Amino acid sequence: MKRWTFLVLGVLLAIGGAVFTLQGLNLLGQSGGMNGHKVWAIIGLIILLAGLGLVTAGARAGRSPGSSPASR
């Protein structure tokens, strides 16, 4: 259960961070308060990296140190 929670939250954070970054760099072509403000690109990058970290943690959570897919 913990593994899936990390994976789902990580993917959602990564997607949100990517959107924030693209909006901060004014690449989505929409109008709004976030577009073109570099601070949102930096915040989005931090969120994206946190999401990727959670995905990595979730991918590793279900594995025991000595097991490999071939030995199952």
N, C-alpha and C. Protein backbone atom coordinates (compact mmCIF):
# COMPACT_ATOMS: atom_id res chain seq x y z
N MET A 1 0.83 -1.20 0.00
CA MET A 1 0.00 0.00 0.00
C MET A 1 0.87 1.25 0.00
N LYS A 2 1.91 1.25 0.81
CA LYS A 2 2.79 2.41 0.89
C LYS A 2 3.46 2.69 -0.46
N ARG A 3 3.79 1.62 -1.17
CA ARG A 3 4.43 1.76 -2.47
C ARG A 3 3.52 2.52 -3.45
N TRP A 4 2.28 2.10 -3.53
CA TRP A 4 1.36 2.74 -4.47
C TRP A 4 1.07 4.19 -4.09
N THR A 5 1.03 4.46 -2.80
CA THR A 5 0.81 5.84 -2.35
C THR A 5 1.94 6.75 -2.82
N PHE A 6 3.18 6.29 -2.63
CA PHE A 6 4.33 7.07 -3.11
C PHE A 6 4.29 7.26 -4.62
N LEU A 7 3.96 6.19 -5.34
CA LEU A 7 3.94 6.27 -6.80
C LEU A 7 2.87 7.26 -7.30
N VAL A 8 1.67 7.14 -6.76
CA VAL A 8 0.57 8.01 -7.21
C VAL A 8 0.85 9.47 -6.84
N LEU A 9 1.26 9.72 -5.59
CA LEU A 9 1.56 11.09 -5.19
C LEU A 9 2.74 11.65 -5.99
N GLY A 10 3.72 10.82 -6.24
CA GLY A 10 4.89 11.26 -7.01
C GLY A 10 4.53 11.64 -8.43
N VAL A 11 3.70 10.84 -9.08
CA VAL A 11 3.29 11.15 -10.45
C VAL A 11 2.46 12.43 -10.48
N LEU A 12 1.54 12.57 -9.52
CA LEU A 12 0.72 13.79 -9.48
C LEU A 12 1.57 15.04 -9.23
N LEU A 13 2.53 14.93 -8.32
CA LEU A 13 3.42 16.06 -8.06
C LEU A 13 4.28 16.39 -9.28
N ALA A 14 4.76 15.36 -9.95
CA ALA A 14 5.60 15.59 -11.12
C ALA A 14 4.81 16.28 -12.24
N ILE A 15 3.58 15.86 -12.44
CA ILE A 15 2.74 16.49 -13.47
C ILE A 15 2.45 17.94 -13.08
N GLY A 16 2.07 18.16 -11.82
CA GLY A 16 1.81 19.52 -11.36
C GLY A 16 3.04 20.41 -11.46
N GLY A 17 4.19 19.87 -11.09
CA GLY A 17 5.43 20.64 -11.20
C GLY A 17 5.78 20.98 -12.63
N ALA A 18 5.52 20.05 -13.53
CA ALA A 18 5.77 20.33 -14.96
C ALA A 18 4.86 21.44 -15.46
N VAL A 19 3.60 21.42 -15.05
CA VAL A 19 2.66 22.47 -15.47
C VAL A 19 3.10 23.82 -14.90
N PHE A 20 3.47 23.85 -13.62
CA PHE A 20 3.95 25.11 -13.01
C PHE A 20 5.16 25.64 -13.77
N THR A 21 6.10 24.75 -14.08
CA THR A 21 7.31 25.17 -14.78
C THR A 21 6.98 25.73 -16.16
N LEU A 22 6.14 25.03 -16.89
CA LEU A 22 5.77 25.50 -18.23
C LEU A 22 5.02 26.83 -18.18
N GLN A 23 4.16 26.99 -17.19
CA GLN A 23 3.45 28.27 -17.05
C GLN A 23 4.41 29.38 -16.65
N GLY A 24 5.34 29.08 -15.77
CA GLY A 24 6.30 30.09 -15.35
C GLY A 24 7.20 30.54 -16.49
N LEU A 25 7.46 29.63 -17.43
CA LEU A 25 8.27 29.96 -18.60
C LEU A 25 7.43 30.49 -19.76
N ASN A 26 6.12 30.62 -19.54
CA ASN A 26 5.17 31.15 -20.52
C ASN A 26 5.14 30.30 -21.79
N LEU A 27 5.14 28.97 -21.62
CA LEU A 27 5.15 28.06 -22.75
C LEU A 27 3.81 27.38 -23.02
N LEU A 28 2.83 27.59 -22.17
CA LEU A 28 1.53 26.94 -22.37
C LEU A 28 0.57 27.79 -23.20
N GLY A 29 0.88 29.04 -23.40
CA GLY A 29 0.05 29.88 -24.26
C GLY A 29 -1.27 30.30 -23.65
N GLN A 30 -1.40 30.20 -22.36
CA GLN A 30 -2.62 30.64 -21.70
C GLN A 30 -2.38 31.99 -21.05
N SER A 31 -3.46 32.63 -20.66
CA SER A 31 -3.30 33.88 -19.92
C SER A 31 -3.65 33.61 -18.47
N GLY A 32 -2.91 34.22 -17.58
CA GLY A 32 -3.17 34.00 -16.17
C GLY A 32 -2.08 34.61 -15.33
N GLY A 33 -2.23 34.51 -14.03
CA GLY A 33 -1.31 35.13 -13.11
C GLY A 33 0.05 34.47 -13.02
N MET A 34 0.16 33.19 -13.40
CA MET A 34 1.43 32.48 -13.27
C MET A 34 2.30 32.61 -14.52
N ASN A 35 1.71 32.91 -15.63
CA ASN A 35 2.45 32.90 -16.89
C ASN A 35 3.50 33.99 -16.95
N GLY A 36 4.71 33.58 -17.32
CA GLY A 36 5.79 34.52 -17.51
C GLY A 36 6.51 34.94 -16.24
N HIS A 37 6.12 34.40 -15.10
CA HIS A 37 6.79 34.74 -13.84
C HIS A 37 7.79 33.63 -13.51
N LYS A 38 9.05 33.96 -13.52
CA LYS A 38 10.12 32.97 -13.35
C LYS A 38 10.06 32.27 -12.00
N VAL A 39 9.51 32.93 -10.99
CA VAL A 39 9.43 32.30 -9.67
C VAL A 39 8.59 31.01 -9.74
N TRP A 40 7.56 30.99 -10.59
CA TRP A 40 6.74 29.79 -10.72
C TRP A 40 7.48 28.69 -11.46
N ALA A 41 8.38 29.06 -12.35
CA ALA A 41 9.20 28.06 -13.01
C ALA A 41 10.13 27.38 -12.01
N ILE A 42 10.68 28.15 -11.09
CA ILE A 42 11.58 27.60 -10.07
C ILE A 42 10.79 26.73 -9.09
N ILE A 43 9.64 27.22 -8.64
CA ILE A 43 8.80 26.44 -7.73
C ILE A 43 8.36 25.16 -8.41
N GLY A 44 7.98 25.25 -9.66
CA GLY A 44 7.56 24.07 -10.42
C GLY A 44 8.67 23.05 -10.55
N LEU A 45 9.89 23.50 -10.76
CA LEU A 45 11.02 22.60 -10.87
C LEU A 45 11.27 21.87 -9.55
N ILE A 46 11.13 22.59 -8.44
CA ILE A 46 11.29 21.97 -7.12
C ILE A 46 10.20 20.92 -6.89
N ILE A 47 8.97 21.24 -7.25
CA ILE A 47 7.86 20.30 -7.09
C ILE A 47 8.07 19.08 -8.00
N LEU A 48 8.52 19.32 -9.21
CA LEU A 48 8.79 18.23 -10.15
C LEU A 48 9.85 17.28 -9.60
N LEU A 49 10.93 17.83 -9.06
CA LEU A 49 11.99 16.99 -8.50
C LEU A 49 11.50 16.22 -7.27
N ALA A 50 10.66 16.84 -6.45
CA ALA A 50 10.10 16.15 -5.29
C ALA A 50 9.20 14.99 -5.75
N GLY A 51 8.43 15.22 -6.79
CA GLY A 51 7.58 14.16 -7.33
C GLY A 51 8.39 13.00 -7.87
N LEU A 52 9.47 13.31 -8.57
CA LEU A 52 10.33 12.25 -9.10
C LEU A 52 11.00 11.48 -7.96
N GLY A 53 11.34 12.19 -6.88
CA GLY A 53 11.89 11.51 -5.71
C GLY A 53 10.90 10.55 -5.08
N LEU A 54 9.63 10.95 -5.01
CA LEU A 54 8.60 10.06 -4.47
C LEU A 54 8.37 8.85 -5.37
N VAL A 55 8.42 9.07 -6.68
CA VAL A 55 8.28 7.95 -7.61
C VAL A 55 9.43 6.97 -7.42
N THR A 56 10.63 7.48 -7.28
CA THR A 56 11.79 6.62 -7.05
C THR A 56 11.65 5.86 -5.73
N ALA A 57 11.23 6.55 -4.68
CA ALA A 57 11.04 5.90 -3.38
C ALA A 57 9.95 4.83 -3.47
N GLY A 58 8.89 5.12 -4.19
CA GLY A 58 7.82 4.13 -4.35
C GLY A 58 8.25 2.93 -5.16
N ALA A 59 9.09 3.16 -6.16
CA ALA A 59 9.57 2.05 -6.97
C ALA A 59 10.50 1.15 -6.18
N ARG A 60 11.24 1.72 -5.24
CA ARG A 60 12.17 0.94 -4.43
C ARG A 60 11.52 0.35 -3.19
N ALA A 61 10.37 0.84 -2.77
CA ALA A 61 9.76 0.43 -1.50
C ALA A 61 9.33 -1.03 -1.51
N GLY A 62 8.91 -1.55 -2.61
CA GLY A 62 8.41 -2.91 -2.65
C GLY A 62 9.48 -3.96 -2.81
N ARG A 63 10.71 -3.56 -2.97
CA ARG A 63 11.79 -4.52 -3.20
C ARG A 63 12.60 -4.74 -1.94
N SER A 64 12.96 -5.96 -1.70
CA SER A 64 13.88 -6.24 -0.60
C SER A 64 15.31 -6.17 -1.17
N PRO A 65 16.29 -5.83 -0.35
CA PRO A 65 17.65 -5.59 -0.86
C PRO A 65 18.27 -6.76 -1.62
N GLY A 66 17.97 -8.01 -1.25
CA GLY A 66 18.62 -9.14 -1.88
C GLY A 66 17.85 -9.75 -3.03
N SER A 67 16.65 -9.29 -3.29
CA SER A 67 15.85 -9.92 -4.33
C SER A 67 16.04 -9.24 -5.67
N SER A 68 15.92 -10.03 -6.69
CA SER A 68 15.96 -9.52 -8.05
C SER A 68 14.78 -10.11 -8.81
N PRO A 69 14.35 -9.48 -9.89
CA PRO A 69 13.20 -10.01 -10.64
C PRO A 69 13.45 -11.42 -11.17
N ALA A 70 14.71 -11.77 -11.47
CA ALA A 70 15.01 -13.09 -12.02
C ALA A 70 14.87 -14.19 -10.97
N SER A 71 15.02 -13.86 -9.70
CA SER A 71 14.97 -14.89 -8.65
C SER A 71 13.55 -15.17 -8.16
N ARG A 72 12.57 -14.49 -8.66
CA ARG A 72 11.18 -14.69 -8.22
C ARG A 72 10.53 -15.82 -8.96
